[in-house]
C-alpha atoms as a PDB file:
ATOM      1  CA  MET A   1       0.024  -0.130  -0.052  1.00  0.00           C
ATOM      2  CA  THR A   2       1.408   3.723  -1.147  1.00  0.00           C
ATOM      3  CA  GLU A   3      -0.572   5.830   1.254  1.00  0.00           C
ATOM      4  CA  PRO A   4       0.818   7.284   4.371  1.00  0.00           C
ATOM      5  CA  TYR A   5       0.321   5.585   7.763  1.00  0.00           C
ATOM      6  CA  GLY A   6      -1.584   8.079   9.821  1.00  0.00           C
ATOM      7  CA  PRO A   7      -1.746  11.994   9.136  1.00  0.00           C
ATOM      8  CA  SER A   8       0.494  13.253   6.081  1.00  0.00           C
ATOM      9  CA  GLY A   9       1.459  16.591   7.201  1.00  0.00           C
ATOM     10  CA  ARG A  10       0.405  18.929   9.635  1.00  0.00           C
ATOM     11  CA  SER A  11      -3.650  17.854  10.064  1.00  0.00           C
ATOM     12  CA  GLU A  12      -6.228  20.091   9.252  1.00  0.00           C
ATOM     13  CA  TRP A  13      -8.199  19.478  12.737  1.00  0.00           C
ATOM     14  CA  LEU A  14      -5.538  21.366  14.421  1.00  0.00           C
ATOM     15  CA  ASP A  15      -6.480  24.170  13.071  1.00  0.00           C
ATOM     16  CA  VAL A  16     -10.051  24.522  13.678  1.00  0.00           C
ATOM     17  CA  ASP A  17     -11.775  26.177  16.659  1.00  0.00           C
ATOM     18  CA  TRP A  18     -13.801  23.399  18.135  1.00  0.00           C
ATOM     19  CA  ARG A  19     -15.276  25.882  20.606  1.00  0.00           C
ATOM     20  CA  GLU A  20     -16.945  27.318  17.823  1.00  0.00           C
ATOM     21  CA  HIS A  21     -19.027  23.965  16.260  1.00  0.00           C
ATOM     22  CA  LEU A  22     -19.486  22.298  19.861  1.00  0.00           C
ATOM     23  CA  ARG A  23     -23.111  22.325  21.109  1.00  0.00           C
ATOM     24  CA  TRP A  24     -25.355  20.797  23.605  1.00  0.00           C
ATOM     25  CA  VAL A  25     -28.839  18.878  22.180  1.00  0.00           C
ATOM     26  CA  ARG A  26     -31.554  18.161  24.254  1.00  0.00           C
ATOM     27  CA  VAL A  27     -33.130  14.628  23.382  1.00  0.00           C
ATOM     28  CA  ASP A  28     -34.915  12.605  25.294  1.00  0.00           C
ATOM     29  CA  GLY A  29     -34.735  14.373  28.436  1.00  0.00           C
ATOM     30  CA  ARG A  30     -31.078  14.381  28.413  1.00  0.00           C
ATOM     31  CA  TRP A  31     -28.024  16.394  26.705  1.00  0.00           C
ATOM     32  CA  VAL A  32     -26.216  14.825  23.748  1.00  0.00           C
ATOM     33  CA  ASN A  33     -22.201  16.798  23.300  1.00  0.00           C
ATOM     34  CA  VAL A  34     -22.861  17.840  19.377  1.00  0.00           C
ATOM     35  CA  VAL A  35     -19.846  18.825  17.175  1.00  0.00           C
ATOM     36  CA  ASP A  36     -21.964  20.772  14.041  1.00  0.00           C
ATOM     37  CA  ILE A  37     -20.040  22.575  11.692  1.00  0.00           C
ATOM     38  CA  GLY A  38     -20.237  23.816   7.484  1.00  0.00           C
ATOM     39  CA  SER A  39     -22.919  23.477   5.241  1.00  0.00           C
ATOM     40  CA  GLY A  40     -25.012  20.972   2.275  1.00  0.00           C
ATOM     41  CA  PRO A  41     -25.621  17.737   1.816  1.00  0.00           C
ATOM     42  CA  VAL A  42     -25.518  16.064   6.082  1.00  0.00           C
ATOM     43  CA  LEU A  43     -23.188  13.865   7.027  1.00  0.00           C
ATOM     44  CA  VAL A  44     -23.734  11.880  10.264  1.00  0.00           C
ATOM     45  CA  PHE A  45     -20.358  10.647  11.993  1.00  0.00           C
ATOM     46  CA  LEU A  46     -20.650   7.610  15.015  1.00  0.00           C
ATOM     47  CA  HIS A  47     -17.593   6.521  17.284  1.00  0.00           C
ATOM     48  CA  GLY A  48     -17.240   3.235  18.380  1.00  0.00           C
ATOM     49  CA  LEU A  49     -16.735   1.793  21.607  1.00  0.00           C
ATOM     50  CA  ALA A  50     -15.449   3.781  24.135  1.00  0.00           C
ATOM     51  CA  GLY A  51     -14.965   6.134  21.522  1.00  0.00           C
ATOM     52  CA  CYS A  52     -16.114   9.918  21.461  1.00  0.00           C
ATOM     53  CA  TRP A  53     -16.699  12.475  18.406  1.00  0.00           C
ATOM     54  CA  GLN A  54     -12.645  12.905  18.187  1.00  0.00           C
ATOM     55  CA  ASN A  55     -12.270   9.561  16.378  1.00  0.00           C
ATOM     56  CA  TRP A  56     -13.560  11.213  13.443  1.00  0.00           C
ATOM     57  CA  LEU A  57     -11.254  14.449  13.545  1.00  0.00           C
ATOM     58  CA  GLU A  58      -8.971  13.540  10.751  1.00  0.00           C
ATOM     59  CA  THR A  59     -11.943  12.914   8.660  1.00  0.00           C
ATOM     60  CA  ILE A  60     -14.744  16.216  10.277  1.00  0.00           C
ATOM     61  CA  PRO A  61     -12.515  19.053   8.727  1.00  0.00           C
ATOM     62  CA  HIS A  62     -11.969  17.329   5.228  1.00  0.00           C
ATOM     63  CA  PHE A  63     -15.654  17.301   4.915  1.00  0.00           C
ATOM     64  CA  ALA A  64     -16.723  20.355   6.353  1.00  0.00           C
ATOM     65  CA  ALA A  65     -15.584  22.147   3.301  1.00  0.00           C
ATOM     66  CA  ASP A  66     -18.606  21.699   1.241  1.00  0.00           C
ATOM     67  CA  HIS A  67     -20.750  19.279   3.480  1.00  0.00           C
ATOM     68  CA  ARG A  68     -22.978  20.119   6.946  1.00  0.00           C
ATOM     69  CA  VAL A  69     -20.795  17.836   8.968  1.00  0.00           C
ATOM     70  CA  ILE A  70     -22.629  16.565  12.382  1.00  0.00           C
ATOM     71  CA  ALA A  71     -20.983  14.189  14.697  1.00  0.00           C
ATOM     72  CA  LEU A  72     -21.835  13.117  18.460  1.00  0.00           C
ATOM     73  CA  ASP A  73     -20.870  11.871  21.391  1.00  0.00           C
ATOM     74  CA  LEU A  74     -23.234   9.218  21.860  1.00  0.00           C
ATOM     75  CA  PRO A  75     -25.237   8.915  25.553  1.00  0.00           C
ATOM     76  CA  GLY A  76     -23.073   7.218  28.151  1.00  0.00           C
ATOM     77  CA  PHE A  77     -19.780   8.546  25.922  1.00  0.00           C
ATOM     78  CA  GLY A  78     -17.834  10.878  25.439  1.00  0.00           C
ATOM     79  CA  GLU A  79     -19.097  14.556  27.664  1.00  0.00           C
ATOM     80  CA  SER A  80     -22.621  12.849  26.597  1.00  0.00           C
ATOM     81  CA  PRO A  81     -24.223  11.512  29.901  1.00  0.00           C
ATOM     82  CA  MET A  82     -26.255   8.347  29.997  1.00  0.00           C
ATOM     83  CA  PRO A  83     -29.427   8.205  28.718  1.00  0.00           C
ATOM     84  CA  ALA A  84     -32.519   8.416  30.852  1.00  0.00           C
ATOM     85  CA  GLN A  85     -33.735   4.520  29.628  1.00  0.00           C
ATOM     86  CA  PRO A  86     -31.269   1.498  29.401  1.00  0.00           C
ATOM     87  CA  ILE A  87     -28.604   1.831  26.410  1.00  0.00           C
ATOM     88  CA  THR A  88     -29.961  -0.707  23.632  1.00  0.00           C
ATOM     89  CA  MET A  89     -29.169  -0.392  19.766  1.00  0.00           C
ATOM     90  CA  PRO A  90     -32.979   0.421  19.224  1.00  0.00           C
ATOM     91  CA  GLY A  91     -32.356   3.402  21.622  1.00  0.00           C
ATOM     92  CA  TYR A  92     -29.753   4.433  20.022  1.00  0.00           C
ATOM     93  CA  ALA A  93     -31.479   4.611  16.332  1.00  0.00           C
ATOM     94  CA  ARG A  94     -34.629   6.182  18.252  1.00  0.00           C
ATOM     95  CA  MET A  95     -32.511   9.094  19.770  1.00  0.00           C
ATOM     96  CA  LEU A  96     -30.712   9.755  16.128  1.00  0.00           C
ATOM     97  CA  ASP A  97     -33.994  10.307  14.977  1.00  0.00           C
ATOM     98  CA  GLU A  98     -35.120  12.531  17.666  1.00  0.00           C
ATOM     99  CA  LEU A  99     -31.809  13.790  16.874  1.00  0.00           C
ATOM    100  CA  PHE A 100     -32.276  14.373  13.557  1.00  0.00           C
ATOM    101  CA  VAL A 101     -35.939  16.071  13.960  1.00  0.00           C
ATOM    102  CA  THR A 102     -33.956  18.569  16.388  1.00  0.00           C
ATOM    103  CA  LEU A 103     -31.541  19.378  14.363  1.00  0.00           C
ATOM    104  CA  GLY A 104     -33.652  19.864  11.525  1.00  0.00           C
ATOM    105  CA  VAL A 105     -31.963  16.989   8.977  1.00  0.00           C
ATOM    106  CA  ASP A 106     -34.520  15.172   6.966  1.00  0.00           C
ATOM    107  CA  SER A 107     -31.981  12.935   5.558  1.00  0.00           C
ATOM    108  CA  ALA A 108     -28.192  12.346   5.786  1.00  0.00           C
ATOM    109  CA  THR A 109     -25.369   9.851   4.925  1.00  0.00           C
ATOM    110  CA  LEU A 110     -24.752   8.121   8.174  1.00  0.00           C
ATOM    111  CA  VAL A 111     -20.902   6.542   8.509  1.00  0.00           C
ATOM    112  CA  GLY A 112     -20.030   4.731  11.443  1.00  0.00           C
ATOM    113  CA  SER A 113     -16.661   3.020  13.335  1.00  0.00           C
ATOM    114  CA  SER A 114     -17.355  -0.679  15.583  1.00  0.00           C
ATOM    115  CA  MET A 115     -19.996   0.341  17.565  1.00  0.00           C
ATOM    116  CA  GLY A 116     -21.354   3.456  15.798  1.00  0.00           C
ATOM    117  CA  GLY A 117     -21.161   1.049  12.825  1.00  0.00           C
ATOM    118  CA  PHE A 118     -23.963  -1.264  14.064  1.00  0.00           C
ATOM    119  CA  VAL A 119     -25.985   1.586  15.625  1.00  0.00           C
ATOM    120  CA  ALA A 120     -25.972   3.318  11.922  1.00  0.00           C
ATOM    121  CA  ALA A 121     -27.112  -0.404  10.370  1.00  0.00           C
ATOM    122  CA  GLU A 122     -29.600  -0.629  12.708  1.00  0.00           C
ATOM    123  CA  PHE A 123     -30.966   3.092  12.242  1.00  0.00           C
ATOM    124  CA  ALA A 124     -30.792   2.577   8.246  1.00  0.00           C
ATOM    125  CA  VAL A 125     -33.210  -0.616   9.332  1.00  0.00           C
ATOM    126  CA  ARG A 126     -35.781   1.668  11.493  1.00  0.00           C
ATOM    127  CA  PHE A 127     -35.800   4.894   9.241  1.00  0.00           C
ATOM    128  CA  ARG A 128     -34.652   4.165   5.823  1.00  0.00           C
ATOM    129  CA  ALA A 129     -36.150   6.872   4.199  1.00  0.00           C
ATOM    130  CA  GLN A 130     -33.932   9.070   6.168  1.00  0.00           C
ATOM    131  CA  VAL A 131     -30.840   7.632   5.334  1.00  0.00           C
ATOM    132  CA  GLU A 132     -29.207   8.214   1.429  1.00  0.00           C
ATOM    133  CA  ARG A 133     -25.885   6.068   2.124  1.00  0.00           C
ATOM    134  CA  LEU A 134     -24.534   4.023   4.341  1.00  0.00           C
ATOM    135  CA  CYS A 135     -20.642   3.660   5.313  1.00  0.00           C
ATOM    136  CA  LEU A 136     -19.646   1.496   8.079  1.00  0.00           C
ATOM    137  CA  ALA A 137     -16.148   1.170   9.007  1.00  0.00           C
ATOM    138  CA  SER A 138     -14.802  -2.235  10.323  1.00  0.00           C
ATOM    139  CA  PRO A 139     -18.425  -2.544  11.684  1.00  0.00           C
ATOM    140  CA  ALA A 140     -19.886  -4.462  15.056  1.00  0.00           C
ATOM    141  CA  GLY A 141     -22.557  -6.507  15.090  1.00  0.00           C
ATOM    142  CA  LEU A 142     -21.767  -9.946  13.798  1.00  0.00           C
ATOM    143  CA  SER A 143     -19.256 -11.658  15.687  1.00  0.00           C
ATOM    144  CA  MET A 144     -21.131 -10.410  18.648  1.00  0.00           C
ATOM    145  CA  GLU A 145     -23.311 -13.426  17.732  1.00  0.00           C
ATOM    146  CA  HIS A 146     -20.287 -15.794  18.744  1.00  0.00           C
ATOM    147  CA  MET A 147     -19.858 -13.623  22.225  1.00  0.00           C
ATOM    148  CA  ARG A 148     -23.890 -14.399  22.918  1.00  0.00           C
ATOM    149  CA  ASN A 149     -23.588 -18.122  21.804  1.00  0.00           C
ATOM    150  CA  GLU A 150     -20.107 -19.715  22.649  1.00  0.00           C
ATOM    151  CA  ARG A 151     -19.397 -20.643  25.973  1.00  0.00           C
ATOM    152  CA  ASN A 152     -15.915 -21.724  25.570  1.00  0.00           C
ATOM    153  CA  GLN A 153     -12.365 -20.096  25.743  1.00  0.00           C
ATOM    154  CA  GLY A 154     -12.651 -18.351  22.399  1.00  0.00           C
ATOM    155  CA  ALA A 155     -15.752 -16.808  23.108  1.00  0.00           C
ATOM    156  CA  ARG A 156     -13.984 -15.293  26.879  1.00  0.00           C
ATOM    157  CA  ALA A 157     -11.013 -14.626  24.564  1.00  0.00           C
ATOM    158  CA  ARG A 158     -13.252 -12.251  22.139  1.00  0.00           C
ATOM    159  CA  ILE A 159     -14.935 -10.862  25.115  1.00  0.00           C
ATOM    160  CA  GLU A 160     -10.838 -10.116  26.434  1.00  0.00           C
ATOM    161  CA  ASN A 161     -10.606  -7.721  23.794  1.00  0.00           C
ATOM    162  CA  TYR A 162     -13.354  -5.413  24.177  1.00  0.00           C
ATOM    163  CA  LEU A 163     -13.134  -4.975  27.386  1.00  0.00           C
ATOM    164  CA  PHE A 164      -9.365  -3.982  26.902  1.00  0.00           C
ATOM    165  CA  PHE A 165     -10.782  -0.930  25.941  1.00  0.00           C
ATOM    166  CA  GLY A 166     -11.377  -0.072  29.261  1.00  0.00           C
ATOM    167  CA  LEU A 167      -7.978  -0.041  29.778  1.00  0.00           C
ATOM    168  CA  GLY A 168      -7.927   3.263  28.478  1.00  0.00           C
ATOM    169  CA  TRP A 169      -8.597   4.833  31.563  1.00  0.00           C
ATOM    170  CA  LEU A 170      -5.151   4.807  31.837  1.00  0.00           C
ATOM    171  CA  ALA A 171      -4.610   6.958  29.396  1.00  0.00           C
ATOM    172  CA  ALA A 172      -7.597   9.568  30.006  1.00  0.00           C
ATOM    173  CA  ARG A 173      -5.728  10.423  33.129  1.00  0.00           C
ATOM    174  CA  SER A 174      -2.395  11.078  31.916  1.00  0.00           C
ATOM    175  CA  ASP A 175      -0.768  12.274  28.560  1.00  0.00           C
ATOM    176  CA  ARG A 176       2.447  10.404  29.199  1.00  0.00           C
ATOM    177  CA  ILE A 177       0.887   7.270  28.784  1.00  0.00           C
ATOM    178  CA  VAL A 178       0.423   8.566  25.206  1.00  0.00           C
ATOM    179  CA  ARG A 179       3.125  10.081  23.985  1.00  0.00           C
ATOM    180  CA  SER A 180       5.285   7.297  25.206  1.00  0.00           C
ATOM    181  CA  GLU A 181       5.698   5.369  21.773  1.00  0.00           C
ATOM    182  CA  ARG A 182       6.182   2.161  23.682  1.00  0.00           C
ATOM    183  CA  LEU A 183       3.408   2.952  26.174  1.00  0.00           C
ATOM    184  CA  ARG A 184       1.184   3.569  23.305  1.00  0.00           C
ATOM    185  CA  ARG A 185       1.877   0.301  21.230  1.00  0.00           C
ATOM    186  CA  ALA A 186       0.708  -1.511  24.284  1.00  0.00           C
ATOM    187  CA  LEU A 187      -2.714   0.518  24.812  1.00  0.00           C
ATOM    188  CA  LEU A 188      -3.565   0.318  21.170  1.00  0.00           C
ATOM    189  CA  MET A 189      -2.406  -2.534  19.613  1.00  0.00           C
ATOM    190  CA  LEU A 190      -5.746  -4.190  19.425  1.00  0.00           C
ATOM    191  CA  VAL A 191      -7.090  -1.428  17.584  1.00  0.00           C
ATOM    192  CA  ALA A 192      -4.468   0.298  15.150  1.00  0.00           C
ATOM    193  CA  ALA A 193      -1.419  -1.715  13.491  1.00  0.00           C
ATOM    194  CA  TYR A 194       0.876   0.292  14.165  1.00  0.00           C
ATOM    195  CA  PRO A 195      -0.077   2.973  17.454  1.00  0.00           C
ATOM    196  CA  GLU A 196       3.778   3.800  17.850  1.00  0.00           C
ATOM    197  CA  ARG A 197       3.212   5.718  14.473  1.00  0.00           C
ATOM    198  CA  LEU A 198       0.192   7.657  14.982  1.00  0.00           C
ATOM    199  CA  PRO A 199       0.900  11.139  16.204  1.00  0.00           C
ATOM    200  CA  SER A 200       0.755  11.606  20.278  1.00  0.00           C
ATOM    201  CA  ARG A 201      -1.578  14.825  19.904  1.00  0.00           C
ATOM    202  CA  LEU A 202      -3.950  12.634  17.943  1.00  0.00           C
ATOM    203  CA  ILE A 203      -4.180   9.572  20.593  1.00  0.00           C
ATOM    204  CA  VAL A 204      -4.732  12.125  23.102  1.00  0.00           C
ATOM    205  CA  GLU A 205      -7.758  13.260  21.796  1.00  0.00           C
ATOM    206  CA  GLN A 206      -8.681   9.456  20.953  1.00  0.00           C
ATOM    207  CA  ALA A 207      -8.351   8.812  25.115  1.00  0.00           C
ATOM    208  CA  ARG A 208     -11.134  11.343  25.922  1.00  0.00           C
ATOM    209  CA  GLY A 209     -13.515   8.646  24.984  1.00  0.00           C
ATOM    210  CA  ALA A 210     -12.050   6.254  27.718  1.00  0.00           C
ATOM    211  CA  GLY A 211     -13.079   5.236  30.391  1.00  0.00           C
ATOM    212  CA  LYS A 212     -17.195   6.390  30.332  1.00  0.00           C
ATOM    213  CA  PRO A 213     -20.044   4.923  31.657  1.00  0.00           C
ATOM    214  CA  GLY A 214     -21.603   3.477  28.785  1.00  0.00           C
ATOM    215  CA  PHE A 215     -19.413   1.066  27.949  1.00  0.00           C
ATOM    216  CA  LYS A 216     -20.674  -1.901  29.806  1.00  0.00           C
ATOM    217  CA  ASP A 217     -23.522  -1.268  28.870  1.00  0.00           C
ATOM    218  CA  ALA A 218     -23.095  -1.062  25.578  1.00  0.00           C
ATOM    219  CA  LEU A 219     -21.197  -3.539  25.251  1.00  0.00           C
ATOM    220  CA  GLU A 220     -23.955  -6.020  26.900  1.00  0.00           C
ATOM    221  CA  ALA A 221     -26.570  -4.418  24.527  1.00  0.00           C
ATOM    222  CA  MET A 222     -24.552  -5.065  21.392  1.00  0.00           C
ATOM    223  CA  THR A 223     -24.046  -8.914  22.103  1.00  0.00           C
ATOM    224  CA  GLY A 224     -27.661  -9.408  22.893  1.00  0.00           C
ATOM    225  CA  TYR A 225     -29.234  -7.969  20.035  1.00  0.00           C
ATOM    226  CA  PRO A 226     -29.109  -9.696  16.620  1.00  0.00           C
ATOM    227  CA  LEU A 227     -27.794  -7.621  14.078  1.00  0.00           C
ATOM    228  CA  ARG A 228     -27.706 -10.203  11.312  1.00  0.00           C
ATOM    229  CA  ASP A 229     -30.957 -10.886  10.083  1.00  0.00           C
ATOM    230  CA  ARG A 230     -32.138  -7.214   9.628  1.00  0.00           C
ATOM    231  CA  LEU A 231     -29.067  -6.234   7.274  1.00  0.00           C
ATOM    232  CA  GLY A 232     -31.225  -7.248   4.509  1.00  0.00           C
ATOM    233  CA  GLU A 233     -33.633  -4.370   5.181  1.00  0.00           C
ATOM    234  CA  VAL A 234     -31.009  -1.711   4.619  1.00  0.00           C
ATOM    235  CA  GLY A 235     -32.601   0.316   1.274  1.00  0.00           C
ATOM    236  CA  CYS A 236     -29.355   2.241   0.944  1.00  0.00           C
ATOM    237  CA  PRO A 237     -26.031   1.597  -0.907  1.00  0.00           C
ATOM    238  CA  ALA A 238     -23.510   0.955   1.253  1.00  0.00           C
ATOM    239  CA  LEU A 239     -19.606   0.810   1.715  1.00  0.00           C
ATOM    240  CA  ILE A 240     -18.179  -1.356   4.038  1.00  0.00           C
ATOM    241  CA  VAL A 241     -14.638  -0.642   4.741  1.00  0.00           C
ATOM    242  CA  TRP A 242     -12.063  -2.533   6.794  1.00  0.00           C
ATOM    243  CA  GLY A 243      -8.547  -2.843   7.781  1.00  0.00           C
ATOM    244  CA  GLU A 244      -6.698  -6.470   6.928  1.00  0.00           C
ATOM    245  CA  LEU A 245      -4.803  -6.808  10.199  1.00  0.00           C
ATOM    246  CA  ASP A 246      -7.756  -5.585  12.733  1.00  0.00           C
ATOM    247  CA  ARG A 247      -7.467  -7.454  15.627  1.00  0.00           C
ATOM    248  CA  LEU A 248     -10.531  -6.204  17.096  1.00  0.00           C
ATOM    249  CA  VAL A 249     -13.182  -7.689  14.308  1.00  0.00           C
ATOM    250  CA  PRO A 250     -12.463 -10.164  12.540  1.00  0.00           C
ATOM    251  CA  VAL A 251     -12.021  -9.072   8.341  1.00  0.00           C
ATOM    252  CA  GLY A 252     -13.678 -12.190   7.130  1.00  0.00           C
ATOM    253  CA  ASP A 253     -17.028 -10.059   8.749  1.00  0.00           C
ATOM    254  CA  ALA A 254     -16.502  -8.035   5.727  1.00  0.00           C
ATOM    255  CA  ALA A 255     -17.523 -10.069   2.851  1.00  0.00           C
ATOM    256  CA  GLU A 256     -20.785 -11.092   5.437  1.00  0.00           C
ATOM    257  CA  PHE A 257     -21.716  -7.306   5.493  1.00  0.00           C
ATOM    258  CA  GLU A 258     -21.126  -7.211   1.933  1.00  0.00           C
ATOM    259  CA  TRP A 259     -23.582 -10.119   1.249  1.00  0.00           C
ATOM    260  CA  LEU A 260     -26.211  -9.331   3.554  1.00  0.00           C
ATOM    261  CA  ILE A 261     -26.770  -5.663   2.444  1.00  0.00           C
ATOM    262  CA  PRO A 262     -28.236  -5.617  -0.664  1.00  0.00           C
ATOM    263  CA  GLN A 263     -26.559  -2.602  -2.284  1.00  0.00           C
ATOM    264  CA  ALA A 264     -23.001  -2.928  -0.663  1.00  0.00           C
ATOM    265  CA  ARG A 265     -19.749  -3.340  -1.765  1.00  0.00           C
ATOM    266  CA  LYS A 266     -16.141  -3.948   0.255  1.00  0.00           C
ATOM    267  CA  ILE A 267     -12.869  -2.276   0.446  1.00  0.00           C
ATOM    268  CA  VAL A 268     -10.373  -3.615   2.585  1.00  0.00           C
ATOM    269  CA  TYR A 269      -7.140  -1.795   3.440  1.00  0.00           C
ATOM    270  CA  GLU A 270      -4.094  -3.622   3.573  1.00  0.00           C
ATOM    271  CA  ASP A 271      -1.523  -3.568   6.487  1.00  0.00           C
ATOM    272  CA  THR A 272      -4.374  -1.754   8.383  1.00  0.00           C
ATOM    273  CA  GLY A 273      -5.973  -2.271  12.081  1.00  0.00           C
ATOM    274  CA  HIS A 274      -9.141  -1.640  13.503  1.00  0.00           C
ATOM    275  CA  LEU A 275      -9.905   2.378  12.904  1.00  0.00           C
ATOM    276  CA  VAL A 276      -9.173   2.884   9.559  1.00  0.00           C
ATOM    277  CA  MET A 277     -10.159   6.456   9.480  1.00  0.00           C
ATOM    278  CA  LEU A 278      -7.249   7.485  11.596  1.00  0.00           C
ATOM    279  CA  GLU A 279      -4.737   4.731  10.685  1.00  0.00           C
ATOM    280  CA  ARG A 280      -5.279   5.604   6.571  1.00  0.00           C
ATOM    281  CA  PRO A 281      -6.903   9.084   6.639  1.00  0.00           C
ATOM    282  CA  GLU A 282      -6.244  10.009   2.819  1.00  0.00           C
ATOM    283  CA  ARG A 283      -7.780   6.895   1.444  1.00  0.00           C
ATOM    284  CA  PHE A 284     -10.252   6.606   3.803  1.00  0.00           C
ATOM    285  CA  ASN A 285     -11.541  10.214   3.034  1.00  0.00           C
ATOM    286  CA  ALA A 286     -10.925   9.485  -0.678  1.00  0.00           C
ATOM    287  CA  ASP A 287     -13.219   6.412  -0.510  1.00  0.00           C
ATOM    288  CA  LEU A 288     -15.694   8.305   1.002  1.00  0.00           C
ATOM    289  CA  ARG A 289     -15.807  11.013  -1.075  1.00  0.00           C
ATOM    290  CA  ARG A 290     -15.916   8.359  -4.344  1.00  0.00           C
ATOM    291  CA  PHE A 291     -18.798   7.109  -2.699  1.00  0.00           C
ATOM    292  CA  LEU A 292     -20.261   9.614  -2.104  1.00  0.00           C
ATOM    293  CA  ALA A 293     -20.429  10.795  -5.676  1.00  0.00           C
ATOM    294  CA  GLU A 294     -21.874   7.546  -7.393  1.00  0.00           C
ATOM    295  CA  GLY A 295     -24.730   6.751  -8.814  1.00  0.00           C
ATOM    296  CA  PRO A 296     -27.176   4.135  -7.670  1.00  0.00           C
ATOM    297  CA  ALA A 297     -25.852   0.874  -5.964  1.00  0.00           C
ATOM    298  CA  GLU A 298     -26.711  -2.391  -8.611  1.00  0.00           C
ATOM    299  CA  HIS A 299     -28.776  -4.972  -6.150  1.00  0.00           C
ATOM    300  CA  LYS A 300     -26.183  -8.445  -6.159  1.00  0.00           C
ATOM    301  CA  PRO A 301     -27.271 -11.316  -7.180  1.00  0.00           C
ATOM    302  CA  ARG A 302     -28.230 -13.475  -3.013  1.00  0.00           C
ATOM    303  CA  ARG A 303     -26.103 -16.305  -1.523  1.00  0.00           C
ATOM    304  CA  ALA A 304     -26.926 -17.563   1.418  1.00  0.00           C
ATOM    305  CA  PRO A 305     -25.199 -15.939   4.089  1.00  0.00           C
ATOM    306  CA  ARG A 306     -22.378 -17.614   6.448  1.00  0.00           C
ATOM    307  CA  SER A 307     -24.137 -19.367   9.776  1.00  0.00           C
ATOM    308  CA  ALA A 308     -23.449 -17.637  12.757  1.00  0.00           C
ATOM    309  CA  ALA A 309     -22.573 -21.278  14.602  1.00  0.00           C
ATOM    310  CA  VAL A 310     -18.743 -21.817  14.642  1.00  0.00           C
END
């Protein structure tokens, strides 16, 4: 792969006064922390488990030049407090629907990473008319079935991979953790192929999502909610992006998402881990921009999906 790993040159987000674009929005009786920047067609970015809106720092400024970009801390993550009701994937989708109404958004392209991909797909099923396109970056959802059904050591190993995110609270309390290449490698080895090559300032911002109260409940909500059988109801074009070295969500799931969503196609980045938008920001932004400019996608011939059983 010829694309640079991580940001190339000075990142645009470093020169944005984010205070001008952050706002609190009242949704379902709770405040939600939202970034709202730019004008034009609407793009909505959803972060992953133990993430925050800063997961999209390398992407937001690029698209804010000609789009209205909305990124949020899902309730229970980042600066957003826990929701009034228990965290569920349908609950997150309903919250997003109410947020659309409050912000005056009729329809948008949804871009979700990991858990955010799960939420984006659920929203696309429940609120089809409001989703123009769907971009899923290493989405969770299919391998969660194994975590729910298996009772052997393999299942525990998968759960431990997710619980690894909980160690991020250390980084949230000390910048020294992420400014050290060795410690950065130890902390992020499951989510990035080469975390020591990512800028420390970027990683400091990612750590703001760690140690939040929604982690455990959101993990349980994903493992307890079957997404596979619903993906065929997604009615818009979808782009599936994955890193071939993803240690958290297996790259084999990319082909399943591609087949289960009628108008989907996948791209797999070589030598890349779970955080494709941070590890390969230039390529991710270019691929997403091309996807936004494409015409209607063709429906694929169907085949029987892989069984959820191991």
